[in-house]
C-alpha atoms as a PDB file:
ATOM      1  CA  MET A   1     124.027 111.327 132.241  1.00  0.00           C
ATOM      2  CA  THR A   2     126.222 109.308 134.975  1.00  0.00           C
ATOM      3  CA  ASP A   3     126.086 105.653 135.981  1.00  0.00           C
ATOM      4  CA  TYR A   4     124.387 107.174 139.149  1.00  0.00           C
ATOM      5  CA  ASP A   5     121.849 109.267 137.724  1.00  0.00           C
ATOM      6  CA  ARG A   6     120.722 106.223 135.130  1.00  0.00           C
ATOM      7  CA  GLN A   7     120.117 103.883 137.910  1.00  0.00           C
ATOM      8  CA  ASN A   8     117.980 106.405 140.220  1.00  0.00           C
ATOM      9  CA  GLU A   9     115.405 106.205 137.362  1.00  0.00           C
ATOM     10  CA  PHE A  10     113.220 103.447 136.022  1.00  0.00           C
ATOM     11  CA  ARG A  11     114.063 102.778 132.691  1.00  0.00           C
ATOM     12  CA  PRO A  12     112.895  99.429 131.218  1.00  0.00           C
ATOM     13  CA  GLU A  13     114.254  99.877 127.708  1.00  0.00           C
ATOM     14  CA  ILE A  14     117.729 100.453 129.310  1.00  0.00           C
ATOM     15  CA  PRO A  15     119.092  96.985 130.563  1.00  0.00           C
ATOM     16  CA  SER A  16     119.829  96.733 134.410  1.00  0.00           C
ATOM     17  CA  PRO A  17     122.496  94.844 135.745  1.00  0.00           C
ATOM     18  CA  ALA A  18     120.749  93.482 138.589  1.00  0.00           C
ATOM     19  CA  ARG A  19     118.057  92.303 136.051  1.00  0.00           C
ATOM     20  CA  VAL A  20     120.390  90.937 133.412  1.00  0.00           C
ATOM     21  CA  TYR A  21     122.014  88.889 136.382  1.00  0.00           C
ATOM     22  CA  ASN A  22     118.457  87.792 137.554  1.00  0.00           C
ATOM     23  CA  TYR A  23     117.906  86.172 134.412  1.00  0.00           C
ATOM     24  CA  ILE A  24     121.195  84.598 134.108  1.00  0.00           C
ATOM     25  CA  LEU A  25     120.590  83.108 137.378  1.00  0.00           C
ATOM     26  CA  GLY A  26     117.200  81.247 135.930  1.00  0.00           C
ATOM     27  CA  GLY A  27     114.778  84.532 137.716  1.00  0.00           C
ATOM     28  CA  LYS A  28     111.695  86.228 136.419  1.00  0.00           C
ATOM     29  CA  ASP A  29     112.481  89.644 137.239  1.00  0.00           C
ATOM     30  CA  HIS A  30     113.520  90.974 133.609  1.00  0.00           C
ATOM     31  CA  TYR A  31     112.583  92.952 130.478  1.00  0.00           C
ATOM     32  CA  PRO A  32     113.317  92.450 127.020  1.00  0.00           C
ATOM     33  CA  ALA A  33     116.275  94.708 127.100  1.00  0.00           C
ATOM     34  CA  ASP A  34     117.768  92.653 130.249  1.00  0.00           C
ATOM     35  CA  ARG A  35     117.306  89.429 128.335  1.00  0.00           C
ATOM     36  CA  VAL A  36     119.206  90.176 124.865  1.00  0.00           C
ATOM     37  CA  VAL A  37     122.226  91.427 126.949  1.00  0.00           C
ATOM     38  CA  ALA A  38     122.001  88.450 129.317  1.00  0.00           C
ATOM     39  CA  GLU A  39     121.609  85.973 126.118  1.00  0.00           C
ATOM     40  CA  ASN A  40     124.513  87.711 124.343  1.00  0.00           C
ATOM     41  CA  THR A  41     126.815  87.482 127.311  1.00  0.00           C
ATOM     42  CA  ILE A  42     126.192  83.925 127.791  1.00  0.00           C
ATOM     43  CA  ALA A  43     126.786  83.618 124.134  1.00  0.00           C
ATOM     44  CA  ALA A  44     130.257  85.293 124.776  1.00  0.00           C
ATOM     45  CA  LEU A  45     130.707  83.615 128.079  1.00  0.00           C
ATOM     46  CA  PRO A  46     129.574  79.743 128.349  1.00  0.00           C
ATOM     47  CA  SER A  47     130.147  79.583 131.861  1.00  0.00           C
ATOM     48  CA  ALA A  48     128.312  82.521 132.890  1.00  0.00           C
ATOM     49  CA  ARG A  49     125.048  80.834 134.607  1.00  0.00           C
ATOM     50  CA  ASP A  50     127.512  78.617 136.338  1.00  0.00           C
ATOM     51  CA  ALA A  51     129.665  81.595 137.588  1.00  0.00           C
ATOM     52  CA  ALA A  52     126.513  83.693 138.856  1.00  0.00           C
ATOM     53  CA  ARG A  53     125.351  80.568 140.801  1.00  0.00           C
ATOM     54  CA  GLU A  54     128.816  80.297 142.190  1.00  0.00           C
ATOM     55  CA  ASN A  55     128.889  83.784 143.055  1.00  0.00           C
ATOM     56  CA  ARG A  56     125.188  83.338 145.154  1.00  0.00           C
ATOM     57  CA  GLY A  57     126.962  80.300 146.761  1.00  0.00           C
ATOM     58  CA  PHE A  58     129.993  82.072 147.771  1.00  0.00           C
ATOM     59  CA  LEU A  59     127.484  85.012 149.852  1.00  0.00           C
ATOM     60  CA  ARG A  60     125.507  81.913 151.150  1.00  0.00           C
ATOM     61  CA  ARG A  61     128.744  80.373 152.711  1.00  0.00           C
ATOM     62  CA  ALA A  62     130.166  83.361 153.550  1.00  0.00           C
ATOM     63  CA  ALA A  63     127.223  84.551 155.660  1.00  0.00           C
ATOM     64  CA  ARG A  64     127.017  81.689 157.016  1.00  0.00           C
ATOM     65  CA  PHE A  65     130.292  81.751 158.214  1.00  0.00           C
ATOM     66  CA  LEU A  66     130.007  85.057 159.814  1.00  0.00           C
ATOM     67  CA  ALA A  67     126.734  84.106 161.880  1.00  0.00           C
ATOM     68  CA  ALA A  68     127.980  80.391 162.833  1.00  0.00           C
ATOM     69  CA  GLU A  69     131.730  81.008 163.415  1.00  0.00           C
ATOM     70  CA  ALA A  70     132.360  84.665 163.498  1.00  0.00           C
ATOM     71  CA  GLY A  71     129.523  85.560 165.693  1.00  0.00           C
ATOM     72  CA  VAL A  72     128.347  88.364 163.809  1.00  0.00           C
ATOM     73  CA  ARG A  73     124.723  89.410 164.411  1.00  0.00           C
ATOM     74  CA  GLN A  74     124.530  92.895 162.021  1.00  0.00           C
ATOM     75  CA  PHE A  75     124.754  92.484 158.240  1.00  0.00           C
ATOM     76  CA  LEU A  76     124.900  95.164 155.420  1.00  0.00           C
ATOM     77  CA  ASP A  77     124.550  94.025 151.927  1.00  0.00           C
ATOM     78  CA  ILE A  78     125.430  96.748 149.480  1.00  0.00           C
ATOM     79  CA  GLY A  79     124.233  96.097 145.919  1.00  0.00           C
ATOM     80  CA  THR A  80     121.871  93.224 147.227  1.00  0.00           C
ATOM     81  CA  GLY A  81     120.041  92.820 143.520  1.00  0.00           C
ATOM     82  CA  LEU A  82     116.770  91.037 143.151  1.00  0.00           C
ATOM     83  CA  PRO A  83     115.572  88.687 145.563  1.00  0.00           C
ATOM     84  CA  SER A  84     116.815  85.119 145.006  1.00  0.00           C
ATOM     85  CA  TYR A  85     116.989  81.764 147.041  1.00  0.00           C
ATOM     86  CA  GLY A  86     119.628  82.257 149.938  1.00  0.00           C
ATOM     87  CA  GLN A  87     119.430  85.754 150.909  1.00  0.00           C
ATOM     88  CA  VAL A  88     121.746  86.992 153.662  1.00  0.00           C
ATOM     89  CA  HIS A  89     118.408  87.070 155.749  1.00  0.00           C
ATOM     90  CA  GLU A  90     117.589  83.556 155.385  1.00  0.00           C
ATOM     91  CA  VAL A  91     120.821  82.489 156.069  1.00  0.00           C
ATOM     92  CA  VAL A  92     121.762  84.233 158.970  1.00  0.00           C
ATOM     93  CA  GLN A  93     118.505  84.102 160.804  1.00  0.00           C
ATOM     94  CA  GLU A  94     118.387  80.452 160.653  1.00  0.00           C
ATOM     95  CA  ILE A  95     121.367  80.169 162.757  1.00  0.00           C
ATOM     96  CA  ALA A  96     120.949  83.214 164.917  1.00  0.00           C
ATOM     97  CA  PRO A  97     117.118  84.340 164.798  1.00  0.00           C
ATOM     98  CA  GLU A  98     117.887  87.571 166.532  1.00  0.00           C
ATOM     99  CA  SER A  99     120.568  88.860 163.453  1.00  0.00           C
ATOM    100  CA  ARG A 100     119.503  91.912 161.362  1.00  0.00           C
ATOM    101  CA  VAL A 101     120.031  92.580 158.164  1.00  0.00           C
ATOM    102  CA  VAL A 102     120.216  95.773 156.164  1.00  0.00           C
ATOM    103  CA  TYR A 103     120.090  95.407 152.022  1.00  0.00           C
ATOM    104  CA  VAL A 104     120.979  98.671 150.081  1.00  0.00           C
ATOM    105  CA  ASP A 105     120.417  98.898 146.024  1.00  0.00           C
ATOM    106  CA  ASN A 106     119.674 101.835 143.828  1.00  0.00           C
ATOM    107  CA  ASP A 107     117.754 100.373 141.244  1.00  0.00           C
ATOM    108  CA  PRO A 108     114.026 100.974 141.548  1.00  0.00           C
ATOM    109  CA  VAL A 109     112.891  97.435 140.805  1.00  0.00           C
ATOM    110  CA  VAL A 110     115.004  95.715 143.335  1.00  0.00           C
ATOM    111  CA  LEU A 111     113.851  98.290 145.737  1.00  0.00           C
ATOM    112  CA  ALA A 112     109.947  97.424 144.954  1.00  0.00           C
ATOM    113  CA  HIS A 113     110.540  93.864 145.074  1.00  0.00           C
ATOM    114  CA  GLY A 114     112.934  94.032 148.298  1.00  0.00           C
ATOM    115  CA  ARG A 115     110.201  95.565 150.326  1.00  0.00           C
ATOM    116  CA  ASP A 116     107.582  93.070 149.076  1.00  0.00           C
ATOM    117  CA  MET A 117     109.996  90.212 150.081  1.00  0.00           C
ATOM    118  CA  LEU A 118     110.922  92.093 153.613  1.00  0.00           C
ATOM    119  CA  HIS A 119     107.497  92.407 154.464  1.00  0.00           C
ATOM    120  CA  GLY A 120     106.822  91.187 157.785  1.00  0.00           C
ATOM    121  CA  ILE A 121     110.466  89.549 158.577  1.00  0.00           C
ATOM    122  CA  ASP A 122     111.743  91.505 161.931  1.00  0.00           C
ATOM    123  CA  GLY A 123     114.752  92.601 161.556  1.00  0.00           C
ATOM    124  CA  THR A 124     115.488  93.146 158.257  1.00  0.00           C
ATOM    125  CA  ALA A 125     115.078  96.558 155.786  1.00  0.00           C
ATOM    126  CA  ILE A 126     115.961  97.702 152.427  1.00  0.00           C
ATOM    127  CA  VAL A 127     117.113 101.339 151.667  1.00  0.00           C
ATOM    128  CA  ARG A 128     117.831 103.046 148.396  1.00  0.00           C
ATOM    129  CA  HIS A 129     121.302 104.578 148.407  1.00  0.00           C
ATOM    130  CA  ASP A 130     124.362 104.275 146.025  1.00  0.00           C
ATOM    131  CA  LEU A 131     127.831 102.628 146.828  1.00  0.00           C
ATOM    132  CA  ARG A 132     129.309 105.881 145.960  1.00  0.00           C
ATOM    133  CA  ASP A 133     127.672 107.679 148.821  1.00  0.00           C
ATOM    134  CA  PRO A 134     129.166 105.681 151.855  1.00  0.00           C
ATOM    135  CA  GLU A 135     128.070 108.450 154.376  1.00  0.00           C
ATOM    136  CA  GLY A 136     124.720 108.544 153.212  1.00  0.00           C
ATOM    137  CA  ILE A 137     124.288 104.528 153.424  1.00  0.00           C
ATOM    138  CA  LEU A 138     125.583 104.711 156.998  1.00  0.00           C
ATOM    139  CA  ALA A 139     123.583 107.501 157.849  1.00  0.00           C
ATOM    140  CA  ASP A 140     120.250 106.372 156.773  1.00  0.00           C
ATOM    141  CA  PRO A 141     117.429 106.230 159.361  1.00  0.00           C
ATOM    142  CA  ALA A 142     116.248 102.923 158.667  1.00  0.00           C
ATOM    143  CA  LEU A 143     119.633 101.681 158.767  1.00  0.00           C
ATOM    144  CA  ARG A 144     120.222 103.516 162.061  1.00  0.00           C
ATOM    145  CA  ARG A 145     117.097 101.808 163.900  1.00  0.00           C
ATOM    146  CA  LEU A 146     118.501  98.457 162.581  1.00  0.00           C
ATOM    147  CA  LEU A 147     122.367  98.526 163.303  1.00  0.00           C
ATOM    148  CA  ASP A 148     124.117  99.299 165.989  1.00  0.00           C
ATOM    149  CA  LEU A 149     127.379 100.718 164.437  1.00  0.00           C
ATOM    150  CA  ASP A 150     129.084 100.388 167.834  1.00  0.00           C
ATOM    151  CA  ARG A 151     129.048  96.589 167.257  1.00  0.00           C
ATOM    152  CA  PRO A 152     130.711  94.480 164.453  1.00  0.00           C
ATOM    153  CA  VAL A 153     128.859  94.255 161.265  1.00  0.00           C
ATOM    154  CA  GLY A 154     129.178  91.887 158.468  1.00  0.00           C
ATOM    155  CA  LEU A 155     129.796  94.348 155.349  1.00  0.00           C
ATOM    156  CA  MET A 156     128.805  92.616 152.135  1.00  0.00           C
ATOM    157  CA  LEU A 157     130.051  93.774 148.664  1.00  0.00           C
ATOM    158  CA  VAL A 158     129.296  90.972 147.022  1.00  0.00           C
ATOM    159  CA  ALA A 159     129.678  91.129 143.024  1.00  0.00           C
ATOM    160  CA  VAL A 160     128.974  95.229 143.196  1.00  0.00           C
ATOM    161  CA  LEU A 161     132.743  96.584 143.338  1.00  0.00           C
ATOM    162  CA  HIS A 162     133.304  95.970 139.470  1.00  0.00           C
ATOM    163  CA  PHE A 163     130.460  98.110 138.683  1.00  0.00           C
ATOM    164  CA  ILE A 164     132.880 100.907 140.245  1.00  0.00           C
ATOM    165  CA  SER A 165     135.374 102.539 137.937  1.00  0.00           C
ATOM    166  CA  ALA A 166     139.227 103.481 139.015  1.00  0.00           C
ATOM    167  CA  ALA A 167     137.975 107.370 138.933  1.00  0.00           C
ATOM    168  CA  GLU A 168     135.302 106.763 141.202  1.00  0.00           C
ATOM    169  CA  GLU A 169     138.091 105.497 143.609  1.00  0.00           C
ATOM    170  CA  PRO A 170     136.906 101.780 144.962  1.00  0.00           C
ATOM    171  CA  TYR A 171     139.319 101.570 147.803  1.00  0.00           C
ATOM    172  CA  GLU A 172     138.337 104.759 149.078  1.00  0.00           C
ATOM    173  CA  LEU A 173     134.484 103.946 148.972  1.00  0.00           C
ATOM    174  CA  VAL A 174     135.604 100.332 150.566  1.00  0.00           C
ATOM    175  CA  ARG A 175     137.829 102.503 153.111  1.00  0.00           C
ATOM    176  CA  ARG A 176     134.970 105.015 153.855  1.00  0.00           C
ATOM    177  CA  LEU A 177     132.511 102.286 154.758  1.00  0.00           C
ATOM    178  CA  LEU A 178     134.813 100.481 156.825  1.00  0.00           C
ATOM    179  CA  LYS A 179     136.283 103.474 158.756  1.00  0.00           C
ATOM    180  CA  PRO A 180     133.137 103.753 161.574  1.00  0.00           C
ATOM    181  CA  LEU A 181     132.812 100.094 162.088  1.00  0.00           C
ATOM    182  CA  PRO A 182     134.259  98.464 164.940  1.00  0.00           C
ATOM    183  CA  ALA A 183     136.774  95.760 165.357  1.00  0.00           C
ATOM    184  CA  GLY A 184     135.324  92.377 164.666  1.00  0.00           C
ATOM    185  CA  SER A 185     133.536  93.789 161.954  1.00  0.00           C
ATOM    186  CA  HIS A 186     134.058  91.637 158.552  1.00  0.00           C
ATOM    187  CA  LEU A 187     134.371  92.565 154.913  1.00  0.00           C
ATOM    188  CA  VAL A 188     132.921  90.192 152.530  1.00  0.00           C
ATOM    189  CA  ILE A 189     133.909  90.665 148.624  1.00  0.00           C
ATOM    190  CA  SER A 190     133.364  89.003 145.330  1.00  0.00           C
ATOM    191  CA  HIS A 191     134.748  90.676 142.367  1.00  0.00           C
ATOM    192  CA  ALA A 192     134.779  90.027 138.678  1.00  0.00           C
ATOM    193  CA  THR A 193     138.281  89.177 136.412  1.00  0.00           C
ATOM    194  CA  ASP A 194     139.725  88.046 133.406  1.00  0.00           C
ATOM    195  CA  ASP A 195     142.594  86.616 135.260  1.00  0.00           C
ATOM    196  CA  GLY A 196     141.331  83.017 134.175  1.00  0.00           C
ATOM    197  CA  ASP A 197     139.564  83.586 131.165  1.00  0.00           C
ATOM    198  CA  ASP A 198     139.764  85.253 127.844  1.00  0.00           C
ATOM    199  CA  ASP A 199     136.211  85.362 127.096  1.00  0.00           C
ATOM    200  CA  VAL A 200     135.402  87.681 130.087  1.00  0.00           C
ATOM    201  CA  GLU A 201     136.449  90.919 127.728  1.00  0.00           C
ATOM    202  CA  ALA A 202     133.817  89.871 125.395  1.00  0.00           C
ATOM    203  CA  ALA A 203     130.891  89.291 127.971  1.00  0.00           C
ATOM    204  CA  LEU A 204     131.968  92.381 129.250  1.00  0.00           C
ATOM    205  CA  GLU A 205     131.218  94.213 125.898  1.00  0.00           C
ATOM    206  CA  GLU A 206     127.788  93.214 126.361  1.00  0.00           C
ATOM    207  CA  ASN A 207     127.833  94.849 130.041  1.00  0.00           C
ATOM    208  CA  TYR A 208     128.551  98.148 128.615  1.00  0.00           C
ATOM    209  CA  LYS A 209     125.146  98.484 127.357  1.00  0.00           C
ATOM    210  CA  THR A 210     123.480  98.236 130.676  1.00  0.00           C
ATOM    211  CA  SER A 211     122.914 101.154 133.018  1.00  0.00           C
ATOM    212  CA  SER A 212     126.494 100.408 134.644  1.00  0.00           C
ATOM    213  CA  SER A 213     129.851  99.553 133.088  1.00  0.00           C
ATOM    214  CA  ALA A 214     132.052  96.499 134.773  1.00  0.00           C
ATOM    215  CA  HIS A 215     135.807  96.948 135.571  1.00  0.00           C
ATOM    216  CA  VAL A 216     137.629  93.447 136.067  1.00  0.00           C
ATOM    217  CA  ARG A 217     140.527  93.469 138.652  1.00  0.00           C
ATOM    218  CA  THR A 218     143.158  91.256 139.177  1.00  0.00           C
ATOM    219  CA  ARG A 219     143.775  88.856 142.246  1.00  0.00           C
ATOM    220  CA  ALA A 220     146.104  91.497 143.464  1.00  0.00           C
ATOM    221  CA  GLN A 221     143.802  94.326 143.052  1.00  0.00           C
ATOM    222  CA  VAL A 222     141.024  92.366 144.843  1.00  0.00           C
ATOM    223  CA  GLU A 223     143.333  91.861 147.738  1.00  0.00           C
ATOM    224  CA  ALA A 224     143.999  95.378 148.090  1.00  0.00           C
ATOM    225  CA  PHE A 225     140.447  96.054 149.278  1.00  0.00           C
ATOM    226  CA  PHE A 226     141.263  93.954 152.086  1.00  0.00           C
ATOM    227  CA  ALA A 227     144.586  96.280 153.196  1.00  0.00           C
ATOM    228  CA  GLY A 228     144.861  96.501 156.520  1.00  0.00           C
ATOM    229  CA  LEU A 229     142.454  93.534 157.650  1.00  0.00           C
ATOM    230  CA  ASP A 230     143.171  89.941 158.661  1.00  0.00           C
ATOM    231  CA  LEU A 231     142.002  87.742 155.762  1.00  0.00           C
ATOM    232  CA  ILE A 232     140.114  84.613 157.024  1.00  0.00           C
ATOM    233  CA  ASP A 233     141.473  81.366 155.382  1.00  0.00           C
ATOM    234  CA  PRO A 234     141.767  80.259 152.329  1.00  0.00           C
ATOM    235  CA  GLY A 235     142.118  84.063 151.484  1.00  0.00           C
ATOM    236  CA  VAL A 236     141.265  85.338 148.114  1.00  0.00           C
ATOM    237  CA  VAL A 237     140.413  82.380 146.128  1.00  0.00           C
ATOM    238  CA  TRP A 238     137.975  81.813 142.664  1.00  0.00           C
ATOM    239  CA  THR A 239     134.648  81.657 144.670  1.00  0.00           C
ATOM    240  CA  PRO A 240     134.087  77.938 144.438  1.00  0.00           C
ATOM    241  CA  LEU A 241     137.292  77.527 146.464  1.00  0.00           C
ATOM    242  CA  TRP A 242     136.264  79.374 149.213  1.00  0.00           C
ATOM    243  CA  ARG A 243     135.142  77.000 151.962  1.00  0.00           C
ATOM    244  CA  PRO A 244     133.285  74.740 149.564  1.00  0.00           C
ATOM    245  CA  ASP A 245     130.417  72.958 151.091  1.00  0.00           C
ATOM    246  CA  GLU A 246     129.450  69.198 150.338  1.00  0.00           C
ATOM    247  CA  ALA A 247     127.239  69.984 147.292  1.00  0.00           C
ATOM    248  CA  SER A 248     129.374  69.112 144.227  1.00  0.00           C
ATOM    249  CA  SER A 249     130.233  72.260 141.901  1.00  0.00           C
ATOM    250  CA  PRO A 250     130.180  72.393 137.985  1.00  0.00           C
ATOM    251  CA  LEU A 251     133.162  74.438 138.111  1.00  0.00           C
ATOM    252  CA  SER A 252     135.325  72.121 140.528  1.00  0.00           C
ATOM    253  CA  ASP A 253     137.420  70.989 137.387  1.00  0.00           C
ATOM    254  CA  ASP A 254     138.367  74.421 136.306  1.00  0.00           C
ATOM    255  CA  PRO A 255     137.436  77.384 139.130  1.00  0.00           C
ATOM    256  CA  SER A 256     138.652  79.802 137.275  1.00  0.00           C
ATOM    257  CA  ARG A 257     135.669  79.849 135.047  1.00  0.00           C
ATOM    258  CA  SER A 258     133.673  81.492 137.638  1.00  0.00           C
ATOM    259  CA  VAL A 259     135.692  84.628 136.546  1.00  0.00           C
ATOM    260  CA  CYS A 260     135.193  86.047 140.293  1.00  0.00           C
ATOM    261  CA  TRP A 261     138.124  86.189 142.815  1.00  0.00           C
ATOM    262  CA  ALA A 262     136.230  86.269 146.479  1.00  0.00           C
ATOM    263  CA  GLY A 263     137.541  86.808 150.199  1.00  0.00           C
ATOM    264  CA  VAL A 264     136.345  87.548 153.656  1.00  0.00           C
ATOM    265  CA  ALA A 265     138.548  89.300 156.027  1.00  0.00           C
ATOM    266  CA  ARG A 266     138.156  90.768 160.007  1.00  0.00           C
ATOM    267  CA  LYS A 267     139.036  94.358 161.207  1.00  0.00           C
ATOM    268  CA  PRO A 268     141.129  93.936 163.876  1.00  0.00           C
END
């Protein structure tokens, strides 16, 4: 059974990356199998909780930048995960209430919680697709009702590309998602790495027990996702270092413990 097949059926006895991540963030939407993997991950990588929070912080800051500074009003968040404070629509609609946000995930639990969270919120939808099917995502009727693909889109691929193996051609998947989007669209990525922390490998061994295995990439490999785009300052950096706000980061003294590279770029 492939990763795609396993994620498209509800199997609470198989740990889910989204539910493991939810537990690490302090959420409540997980099962015993998820908690075992999460606790083992934290034991192998003591900075895991802070790293997860830093990743969410990057997502919020990037969304805020796109809405407030880049003028983007349409957002496509793929691999959204289970709802938590500071979802993209909460950030961008506070700045520009007319903003529209489509979330994409293939985890049945994520879909159920997402639909409940978004009920009654104008300009939002969540649809069930897999990142490995860009054309299916972009052709989804619910997405096409909300997003005008002739206008700039903020494409959010936050902490999801590391679940795509080299054999599944992650760079090609990103290219196929970006190709139909017009100039002025932006790409937002965060991606796990072992560049700065030897404990990441042990933590990933736990991840192999979930429905999707993870694949770290170097800074240069993450930068390659932005080929042909205009990188926004400060470029590809550790998540706490991407346009930090006034709130102090627990990883400010050693940002490499965030174990994720992050960047935002504009399609010319």
